[in-house]
Amino acid sequence: MLARRGPAGATSGSVVFPSPLGQTRDRSNTTGDLRRAFDRAGVSWVSSHTLRKTVATRLDDAGLSARPSLTQDVYLSRKVAGPAAARVLEM
């Protein structure tokens, strides 16, 4: 999915969700954008932390591990990753 979203010829170091000017997004701007999107969707209780925790929990429940390692170190004890993780999160 990320490969399809990126521009043609994108490399592994390319920005997947760039700023309007095509640069790396500023964290505070992204946080504000997410907050407004959650509020408009009627889920004002959701935060980026909620999303990270939910992904980690779903992967852990499936016996898989999340990446990057920070999420894994904070939320999980298992060290298994692979295509099965993507299948779990597509549900």
PDB file of N, CA and C in Angstrom:
ATOM      1  N   MET A   1       0.828  -1.174   0.000  1.00  0.00           N
ATOM      2  CA  MET A   1       0.000   0.000   0.000  1.00  0.00           C
ATOM      3  C   MET A   1       0.881   1.249   0.000  1.00  0.00           C
ATOM      4  N   LEU A   2       1.932   1.248   0.814  1.00  0.00           N
ATOM      5  CA  LEU A   2       2.801   2.412   0.859  1.00  0.00           C
ATOM      6  C   LEU A   2       3.533   2.608  -0.458  1.00  0.00           C
ATOM      7  N   ALA A   3       3.926   1.510  -1.090  1.00  0.00           N
ATOM      8  CA  ALA A   3       4.608   1.624  -2.383  1.00  0.00           C
ATOM      9  C   ALA A   3       3.680   2.239  -3.425  1.00  0.00           C
ATOM     10  N   ARG A   4       2.399   1.896  -3.377  1.00  0.00           N
ATOM     11  CA  ARG A   4       1.436   2.474  -4.327  1.00  0.00           C
ATOM     12  C   ARG A   4       1.218   3.954  -4.054  1.00  0.00           C
ATOM     13  N   ARG A   5       1.278   4.371  -2.791  1.00  0.00           N
ATOM     14  CA  ARG A   5       1.018   5.763  -2.432  1.00  0.00           C
ATOM     15  C   ARG A   5       2.167   6.681  -2.822  1.00  0.00           C
ATOM     16  N   GLY A   6       3.382   6.143  -2.790  1.00  0.00           N
ATOM     17  CA  GLY A   6       4.558   6.963  -3.069  1.00  0.00           C
ATOM     18  C   GLY A   6       4.656   7.320  -4.539  1.00  0.00           C
ATOM     19  N   PRO A   7       5.441   8.359  -4.846  1.00  0.00           N
ATOM     20  CA  PRO A   7       5.629   8.764  -6.241  1.00  0.00           C
ATOM     21  C   PRO A   7       6.432   7.732  -7.011  1.00  0.00           C
ATOM     22  N   ALA A   8       6.291   7.728  -8.322  1.00  0.00           N
ATOM     23  CA  ALA A   8       7.051   6.810  -9.163  1.00  0.00           C
ATOM     24  C   ALA A   8       8.537   7.042  -8.919  1.00  0.00           C
ATOM     25  N   GLY A   9       9.293   5.976  -8.786  1.00  0.00           N
ATOM     26  CA  GLY A   9      10.721   6.079  -8.560  1.00  0.00           C
ATOM     27  C   GLY A   9      11.096   6.356  -7.115  1.00  0.00           C
ATOM     28  N   ALA A  10      10.128   6.268  -6.206  1.00  0.00           N
ATOM     29  CA  ALA A  10      10.420   6.525  -4.793  1.00  0.00           C
ATOM     30  C   ALA A  10      11.372   5.459  -4.268  1.00  0.00           C
ATOM     31  N   THR A  11      12.219   5.856  -3.351  1.00  0.00           N
ATOM     32  CA  THR A  11      13.159   4.926  -2.733  1.00  0.00           C
ATOM     33  C   THR A  11      12.711   4.640  -1.310  1.00  0.00           C
ATOM     34  N   SER A  12      13.411   3.736  -0.661  1.00  0.00           N
ATOM     35  CA  SER A  12      13.032   3.399   0.709  1.00  0.00           C
ATOM     36  C   SER A  12      13.182   4.589   1.642  1.00  0.00           C
ATOM     37  N   GLY A  13      13.966   5.599   1.269  1.00  0.00           N
ATOM     38  CA  GLY A  13      14.133   6.784   2.096  1.00  0.00           C
ATOM     39  C   GLY A  13      13.169   7.903   1.747  1.00  0.00           C
ATOM     40  N   SER A  14      12.265   7.664   0.793  1.00  0.00           N
ATOM     41  CA  SER A  14      11.324   8.704   0.368  1.00  0.00           C
ATOM     42  C   SER A  14      10.282   8.971   1.443  1.00  0.00           C
ATOM     43  N   VAL A  15       9.797  10.202   1.480  1.00  0.00           N
ATOM     44  CA  VAL A  15       8.745  10.577   2.421  1.00  0.00           C
ATOM     45  C   VAL A  15       7.420  10.057   1.875  1.00  0.00           C
ATOM     46  N   VAL A  16       6.693   9.267   2.659  1.00  0.00           N
ATOM     47  CA  VAL A  16       5.434   8.664   2.221  1.00  0.00           C
ATOM     48  C   VAL A  16       4.279   9.651   2.352  1.00  0.00           C
ATOM     49  N   PHE A  17       4.247  10.395   3.446  1.00  0.00           N
ATOM     50  CA  PHE A  17       3.198  11.377   3.682  1.00  0.00           C
ATOM     51  C   PHE A  17       3.847  12.746   3.842  1.00  0.00           C
ATOM     52  N   PRO A  18       4.218  13.381   2.731  1.00  0.00           N
ATOM     53  CA  PRO A  18       4.949  14.645   2.812  1.00  0.00           C
ATOM     54  C   PRO A  18       4.048  15.823   3.184  1.00  0.00           C
ATOM     55  N   SER A  19       4.707  16.924   3.519  1.00  0.00           N
ATOM     56  CA  SER A  19       4.005  18.188   3.747  1.00  0.00           C
ATOM     57  C   SER A  19       3.447  18.666   2.412  1.00  0.00           C
ATOM     58  N   PRO A  20       2.601  19.706   2.430  1.00  0.00           N
ATOM     59  CA  PRO A  20       2.089  20.233   1.158  1.00  0.00           C
ATOM     60  C   PRO A  20       3.198  20.664   0.191  1.00  0.00           C
ATOM     61  N   LEU A  21       4.384  20.971   0.725  1.00  0.00           N
ATOM     62  CA  LEU A  21       5.511  21.365  -0.130  1.00  0.00           C
ATOM     63  C   LEU A  21       6.421  20.196  -0.478  1.00  0.00           C
ATOM     64  N   GLY A  22       6.002  18.977  -0.111  1.00  0.00           N
ATOM     65  CA  GLY A  22       6.771  17.783  -0.457  1.00  0.00           C
ATOM     66  C   GLY A  22       7.918  17.464   0.473  1.00  0.00           C
ATOM     67  N   GLN A  23       7.981  18.106   1.611  1.00  0.00           N
ATOM     68  CA  GLN A  23       9.049  17.895   2.580  1.00  0.00           C
ATOM     69  C   GLN A  23       8.570  17.001   3.723  1.00  0.00           C
ATOM     70  N   THR A  24       9.483  16.696   4.641  1.00  0.00           N
ATOM     71  CA  THR A  24       9.115  15.961   5.841  1.00  0.00           C
ATOM     72  C   THR A  24       8.179  16.825   6.667  1.00  0.00           C
ATOM     73  N   ARG A  25       7.112  16.237   7.182  1.00  0.00           N
ATOM     74  CA  ARG A  25       6.119  16.992   7.943  1.00  0.00           C
ATOM     75  C   ARG A  25       6.639  17.351   9.329  1.00  0.00           C
ATOM     76  N   ASP A  26       6.257  18.536   9.798  1.00  0.00           N
ATOM     77  CA  ASP A  26       6.576  18.972  11.148  1.00  0.00           C
ATOM     78  C   ASP A  26       5.655  18.241  12.119  1.00  0.00           C
ATOM     79  N   ARG A  27       6.210  17.731  13.201  1.00  0.00           N
ATOM     80  CA  ARG A  27       5.427  16.928  14.155  1.00  0.00           C
ATOM     81  C   ARG A  27       4.223  17.697  14.705  1.00  0.00           C
ATOM     82  N   SER A  28       4.405  18.955  15.066  1.00  0.00           N
ATOM     83  CA  SER A  28       3.286  19.710  15.651  1.00  0.00           C
ATOM     84  C   SER A  28       2.176  19.938  14.629  1.00  0.00           C
ATOM     85  N   ASN A  29       2.535  20.162  13.365  1.00  0.00           N
ATOM     86  CA  ASN A  29       1.509  20.311  12.326  1.00  0.00           C
ATOM     87  C   ASN A  29       0.756  19.005  12.117  1.00  0.00           C
ATOM     88  N   THR A  30       1.493  17.906  12.108  1.00  0.00           N
ATOM     89  CA  THR A  30       0.866  16.599  11.925  1.00  0.00           C
ATOM     90  C   THR A  30      -0.064  16.276  13.085  1.00  0.00           C
ATOM     91  N   THR A  31       0.375  16.577  14.291  1.00  0.00           N
ATOM     92  CA  THR A  31      -0.460  16.339  15.473  1.00  0.00           C
ATOM     93  C   THR A  31      -1.754  17.134  15.373  1.00  0.00           C
ATOM     94  N   GLY A  32      -1.658  18.389  14.960  1.00  0.00           N
ATOM     95  CA  GLY A  32      -2.847  19.229  14.798  1.00  0.00           C
ATOM     96  C   GLY A  32      -3.768  18.702  13.712  1.00  0.00           C
ATOM     97  N   ASP A  33      -3.188  18.262  12.599  1.00  0.00           N
ATOM     98  CA  ASP A  33      -3.997  17.694  11.504  1.00  0.00           C
ATOM     99  C   ASP A  33      -4.742  16.451  11.977  1.00  0.00           C
ATOM    100  N   LEU A  34      -4.036  15.582  12.712  1.00  0.00           N
ATOM    101  CA  LEU A  34      -4.681  14.377  13.238  1.00  0.00           C
ATOM    102  C   LEU A  34      -5.796  14.734  14.218  1.00  0.00           C
ATOM    103  N   ARG A  35      -5.539  15.688  15.095  1.00  0.00           N
ATOM    104  CA  ARG A  35      -6.550  16.091  16.084  1.00  0.00           C
ATOM    105  C   ARG A  35      -7.825  16.565  15.387  1.00  0.00           C
ATOM    106  N   ARG A  36      -7.673  17.407  14.366  1.00  0.00           N
ATOM    107  CA  ARG A  36      -8.848  17.906  13.624  1.00  0.00           C
ATOM    108  C   ARG A  36      -9.569  16.767  12.904  1.00  0.00           C
ATOM    109  N   ALA A  37      -8.812  15.827  12.331  1.00  0.00           N
ATOM    110  CA  ALA A  37      -9.433  14.695  11.632  1.00  0.00           C
ATOM    111  C   ALA A  37     -10.193  13.809  12.614  1.00  0.00           C
ATOM    112  N   PHE A  38      -9.615  13.539  13.775  1.00  0.00           N
ATOM    113  CA  PHE A  38     -10.306  12.728  14.785  1.00  0.00           C
ATOM    114  C   PHE A  38     -11.565  13.433  15.272  1.00  0.00           C
ATOM    115  N   ASP A  39     -11.474  14.734  15.508  1.00  0.00           N
ATOM    116  CA  ASP A  39     -12.644  15.492  15.965  1.00  0.00           C
ATOM    117  C   ASP A  39     -13.759  15.472  14.923  1.00  0.00           C
ATOM    118  N   ARG A  40     -13.402  15.688  13.654  1.00  0.00           N
ATOM    119  CA  ARG A  40     -14.407  15.673  12.571  1.00  0.00           C
ATOM    120  C   ARG A  40     -15.047  14.298  12.436  1.00  0.00           C
ATOM    121  N   ALA A  41     -14.272  13.254  12.704  1.00  0.00           N
ATOM    122  CA  ALA A  41     -14.789  11.882  12.601  1.00  0.00           C
ATOM    123  C   ALA A  41     -15.617  11.489  13.820  1.00  0.00           C
ATOM    124  N   GLY A  42     -15.677  12.370  14.822  1.00  0.00           N
ATOM    125  CA  GLY A  42     -16.469  12.076  16.012  1.00  0.00           C
ATOM    126  C   GLY A  42     -15.785  11.149  16.987  1.00  0.00           C
ATOM    127  N   VAL A  43     -14.465  11.054  16.898  1.00  0.00           N
ATOM    128  CA  VAL A  43     -13.705  10.198  17.808  1.00  0.00           C
ATOM    129  C   VAL A  43     -12.653  11.053  18.521  1.00  0.00           C
ATOM    130  N   SER A  44     -13.131  12.056  19.236  1.00  0.00           N
ATOM    131  CA  SER A  44     -12.218  13.002  19.883  1.00  0.00           C
ATOM    132  C   SER A  44     -11.348  12.347  20.950  1.00  0.00           C
ATOM    133  N   TRP A  45     -11.719  11.160  21.405  1.00  0.00           N
ATOM    134  CA  TRP A  45     -10.933  10.444  22.409  1.00  0.00           C
ATOM    135  C   TRP A  45      -9.693   9.781  21.817  1.00  0.00           C
ATOM    136  N   VAL A  46      -9.612   9.669  20.472  1.00  0.00           N
ATOM    137  CA  VAL A  46      -8.488   9.004  19.815  1.00  0.00           C
ATOM    138  C   VAL A  46      -7.300   9.961  19.732  1.00  0.00           C
ATOM    139  N   SER A  47      -6.107   9.405  19.898  1.00  0.00           N
ATOM    140  CA  SER A  47      -4.867  10.164  19.722  1.00  0.00           C
ATOM    141  C   SER A  47      -3.885   9.292  18.942  1.00  0.00           C
ATOM    142  N   SER A  48      -2.757   9.866  18.546  1.00  0.00           N
ATOM    143  CA  SER A  48      -1.762   9.055  17.845  1.00  0.00           C
ATOM    144  C   SER A  48      -1.264   7.929  18.760  1.00  0.00           C
ATOM    145  N   HIS A  49      -1.201   8.194  20.057  1.00  0.00           N
ATOM    146  CA  HIS A  49      -0.813   7.138  21.007  1.00  0.00           C
ATOM    147  C   HIS A  49      -1.835   6.002  20.989  1.00  0.00           C
ATOM    148  N   THR A  50      -3.123   6.362  20.931  1.00  0.00           N
ATOM    149  CA  THR A  50      -4.179   5.350  20.871  1.00  0.00           C
ATOM    150  C   THR A  50      -3.974   4.451  19.654  1.00  0.00           C
ATOM    151  N   LEU A  51      -3.645   5.047  18.514  1.00  0.00           N
ATOM    152  CA  LEU A  51      -3.433   4.263  17.296  1.00  0.00           C
ATOM    153  C   LEU A  51      -2.220   3.341  17.441  1.00  0.00           C
ATOM    154  N   ARG A  52      -1.115   3.866  17.970  1.00  0.00           N
ATOM    155  CA  ARG A  52       0.080   3.030  18.151  1.00  0.00           C
ATOM    156  C   ARG A  52      -0.203   1.873  19.099  1.00  0.00           C
ATOM    157  N   LYS A  53      -0.875   2.154  20.190  1.00  0.00           N
ATOM    158  CA  LYS A  53      -1.188   1.116  21.176  1.00  0.00           C
ATOM    159  C   LYS A  53      -2.121   0.064  20.575  1.00  0.00           C
ATOM    160  N   THR A  54      -3.110   0.501  19.801  1.00  0.00           N
ATOM    161  CA  THR A  54      -4.050  -0.425  19.169  1.00  0.00           C
ATOM    162  C   THR A  54      -3.335  -1.353  18.196  1.00  0.00           C
ATOM    163  N   VAL A  55      -2.457  -0.798  17.369  1.00  0.00           N
ATOM    164  CA  VAL A  55      -1.699  -1.624  16.425  1.00  0.00           C
ATOM    165  C   VAL A  55      -0.838  -2.627  17.185  1.00  0.00           C
ATOM    166  N   ALA A  56      -0.130  -2.167  18.202  1.00  0.00           N
ATOM    167  CA  ALA A  56       0.720  -3.072  18.973  1.00  0.00           C
ATOM    168  C   ALA A  56      -0.099  -4.172  19.634  1.00  0.00           C
ATOM    169  N   THR A  57      -1.248  -3.821  20.167  1.00  0.00           N
ATOM    170  CA  THR A  57      -2.099  -4.806  20.834  1.00  0.00           C
ATOM    171  C   THR A  57      -2.618  -5.841  19.842  1.00  0.00           C
ATOM    172  N   ARG A  58      -3.098  -5.376  18.672  1.00  0.00           N
ATOM    173  CA  ARG A  58      -3.615  -6.323  17.672  1.00  0.00           C
ATOM    174  C   ARG A  58      -2.526  -7.270  17.190  1.00  0.00           C
ATOM    175  N   LEU A  59      -1.320  -6.747  16.963  1.00  0.00           N
ATOM    176  CA  LEU A  59      -0.223  -7.612  16.543  1.00  0.00           C
ATOM    177  C   LEU A  59       0.151  -8.591  17.650  1.00  0.00           C
ATOM    178  N   ASP A  60       0.188  -8.116  18.880  1.00  0.00           N
ATOM    179  CA  ASP A  60       0.534  -8.987  19.999  1.00  0.00           C
ATOM    180  C   ASP A  60      -0.509 -10.080  20.176  1.00  0.00           C
ATOM    181  N   ASP A  61      -1.792  -9.714  20.061  1.00  0.00           N
ATOM    182  CA  ASP A  61      -2.868 -10.701  20.175  1.00  0.00           C
ATOM    183  C   ASP A  61      -2.752 -11.789  19.110  1.00  0.00           C
ATOM    184  N   ALA A  62      -2.191 -11.428  17.951  1.00  0.00           N
ATOM    185  CA  ALA A  62      -2.022 -12.394  16.860  1.00  0.00           C
ATOM    186  C   ALA A  62      -0.696 -13.145  16.976  1.00  0.00           C
ATOM    187  N   GLY A  63       0.069 -12.872  18.044  1.00  0.00           N
ATOM    188  CA  GLY A  63       1.344 -13.553  18.226  1.00  0.00           C
ATOM    189  C   GLY A  63       2.460 -12.979  17.386  1.00  0.00           C
ATOM    190  N   LEU A  64       2.284 -11.737  16.936  1.00  0.00           N
ATOM    191  CA  LEU A  64       3.277 -11.089  16.078  1.00  0.00           C
ATOM    192  C   LEU A  64       3.891  -9.904  16.786  1.00  0.00           C
ATOM    193  N   SER A  65       4.860  -9.326  16.151  1.00  0.00           N
ATOM    194  CA  SER A  65       5.557  -8.196  16.740  1.00  0.00           C
ATOM    195  C   SER A  65       5.411  -6.980  15.841  1.00  0.00           C
ATOM    196  N   ALA A  66       5.474  -5.809  16.430  1.00  0.00           N
ATOM    197  CA  ALA A  66       5.368  -4.554  15.684  1.00  0.00           C
ATOM    198  C   ALA A  66       6.757  -3.996  15.408  1.00  0.00           C
ATOM    199  N   ARG A  67       6.834  -3.123  14.461  1.00  0.00           N
ATOM    200  CA  ARG A  67       8.030  -2.340  14.171  1.00  0.00           C
ATOM    201  C   ARG A  67       7.600  -0.891  14.157  1.00  0.00           C
ATOM    202  N   PRO A  68       8.384   0.078  14.469  1.00  0.00           N
ATOM    203  CA  PRO A  68       9.797   0.010  14.786  1.00  0.00           C
ATOM    204  C   PRO A  68      10.066  -0.521  16.178  1.00  0.00           C
ATOM    205  N   SER A  69      11.329  -0.660  16.474  1.00  0.00           N
ATOM    206  CA  SER A  69      11.697  -1.311  17.731  1.00  0.00           C
ATOM    207  C   SER A  69      11.211  -0.557  18.957  1.00  0.00           C
ATOM    208  N   LEU A  70      11.027   0.764  18.883  1.00  0.00           N
ATOM    209  CA  LEU A  70      10.525   1.500  20.040  1.00  0.00           C
ATOM    210  C   LEU A  70       9.159   0.965  20.454  1.00  0.00           C
ATOM    211  N   THR A  71       8.253   0.801  19.489  1.00  0.00           N
ATOM    212  CA  THR A  71       6.933   0.256  19.792  1.00  0.00           C
ATOM    213  C   THR A  71       7.077  -1.144  20.367  1.00  0.00           C
ATOM    214  N   GLN A  72       7.932  -1.923  19.757  1.00  0.00           N
ATOM    215  CA  GLN A  72       8.150  -3.293  20.226  1.00  0.00           C
ATOM    216  C   GLN A  72       8.685  -3.294  21.652  1.00  0.00           C
ATOM    217  N   ASP A  73       9.664  -2.466  21.930  1.00  0.00           N
ATOM    218  CA  ASP A  73      10.258  -2.431  23.263  1.00  0.00           C
ATOM    219  C   ASP A  73       9.269  -1.942  24.317  1.00  0.00           C
ATOM    220  N   VAL A  74       8.418  -0.984  23.948  1.00  0.00           N
ATOM    221  CA  VAL A  74       7.487  -0.395  24.913  1.00  0.00           C
ATOM    222  C   VAL A  74       6.276  -1.290  25.143  1.00  0.00           C
ATOM    223  N   TYR A  75       5.712  -1.857  24.072  1.00  0.00           N
ATOM    224  CA  TYR A  75       4.431  -2.541  24.185  1.00  0.00           C
ATOM    225  C   TYR A  75       4.479  -4.061  24.115  1.00  0.00           C
ATOM    226  N   LEU A  76       5.528  -4.610  23.526  1.00  0.00           N
ATOM    227  CA  LEU A  76       5.515  -6.044  23.241  1.00  0.00           C
ATOM    228  C   LEU A  76       6.716  -6.771  23.829  1.00  0.00           C
ATOM    229  N   SER A  77       6.552  -8.079  23.968  1.00  0.00           N
ATOM    230  CA  SER A  77       7.680  -8.886  24.403  1.00  0.00           C
ATOM    231  C   SER A  77       8.145  -9.830  23.308  1.00  0.00           C
ATOM    232  N   ARG A  78       7.337 -10.051  22.299  1.00  0.00           N
ATOM    233  CA  ARG A  78       7.705 -10.969  21.215  1.00  0.00           C
ATOM    234  C   ARG A  78       8.540 -10.240  20.183  1.00  0.00           C
ATOM    235  N   LYS A  79       9.343 -10.987  19.432  1.00  0.00           N
ATOM    236  CA  LYS A  79      10.252 -10.394  18.451  1.00  0.00           C
ATOM    237  C   LYS A  79      10.061 -11.034  17.074  1.00  0.00           C
ATOM    238  N   VAL A  80       8.818 -11.277  16.676  1.00  0.00           N
ATOM    239  CA  VAL A  80       8.521 -11.921  15.407  1.00  0.00           C
ATOM    240  C   VAL A  80       7.820 -10.911  14.503  1.00  0.00           C
ATOM    241  N   ALA A  81       8.280 -10.766  13.263  1.00  0.00           N
ATOM    242  CA  ALA A  81       7.658  -9.832  12.321  1.00  0.00           C
ATOM    243  C   ALA A  81       7.580 -10.484  10.946  1.00  0.00           C
ATOM    244  N   GLY A  82       6.745  -9.958  10.089  1.00  0.00           N
ATOM    245  CA  GLY A  82       6.646 -10.474   8.732  1.00  0.00           C
ATOM    246  C   GLY A  82       5.320 -10.149   8.085  1.00  0.00           C
ATOM    247  N   PRO A  83       5.027 -10.776   6.945  1.00  0.00           N
ATOM    248  CA  PRO A  83       3.790 -10.503   6.204  1.00  0.00           C
ATOM    249  C   PRO A  83       2.532 -10.781   7.022  1.00  0.00           C
ATOM    250  N   ALA A  84       2.614 -11.683   7.977  1.00  0.00           N
ATOM    251  CA  ALA A  84       1.444 -11.972   8.793  1.00  0.00           C
ATOM    252  C   ALA A  84       0.993 -10.740   9.566  1.00  0.00           C
ATOM    253  N   ALA A  85       1.939  -9.861   9.922  1.00  0.00           N
ATOM    254  CA  ALA A  85       1.581  -8.634  10.639  1.00  0.00           C
ATOM    255  C   ALA A  85       0.676  -7.770   9.763  1.00  0.00           C
ATOM    256  N   ALA A  86       0.978  -7.655   8.499  1.00  0.00           N
ATOM    257  CA  ALA A  86       0.151  -6.868   7.591  1.00  0.00           C
ATOM    258  C   ALA A  86      -1.248  -7.458   7.489  1.00  0.00           C
ATOM    259  N   ARG A  87      -1.347  -8.781   7.430  1.00  0.00           N
ATOM    260  CA  ARG A  87      -2.668  -9.415   7.343  1.00  0.00           C
ATOM    261  C   ARG A  87      -3.497  -9.125   8.580  1.00  0.00           C
ATOM    262  N   VAL A  88      -2.881  -9.143   9.756  1.00  0.00           N
ATOM    263  CA  VAL A  88      -3.597  -8.866  11.005  1.00  0.00           C
ATOM    264  C   VAL A  88      -4.164  -7.453  10.991  1.00  0.00           C
ATOM    265  N   LEU A  89      -3.378  -6.489  10.514  1.00  0.00           N
ATOM    266  CA  LEU A  89      -3.789  -5.086  10.540  1.00  0.00           C
ATOM    267  C   LEU A  89      -4.757  -4.732   9.429  1.00  0.00           C
ATOM    268  N   GLU A  90      -4.888  -5.559   8.399  1.00  0.00           N
ATOM    269  CA  GLU A  90      -5.830  -5.298   7.316  1.00  0.00           C
ATOM    270  C   GLU A  90      -7.268  -5.605   7.708  1.00  0.00           C
ATOM    271  N   MET A  91      -7.479  -6.289   8.808  1.00  0.00           N
ATOM    272  CA  MET A  91      -8.836  -6.665   9.232  1.00  0.00           C
ATOM    273  C   MET A  91      -9.675  -5.464   9.532  1.00  0.00           C
TER     274      MET A  91
END
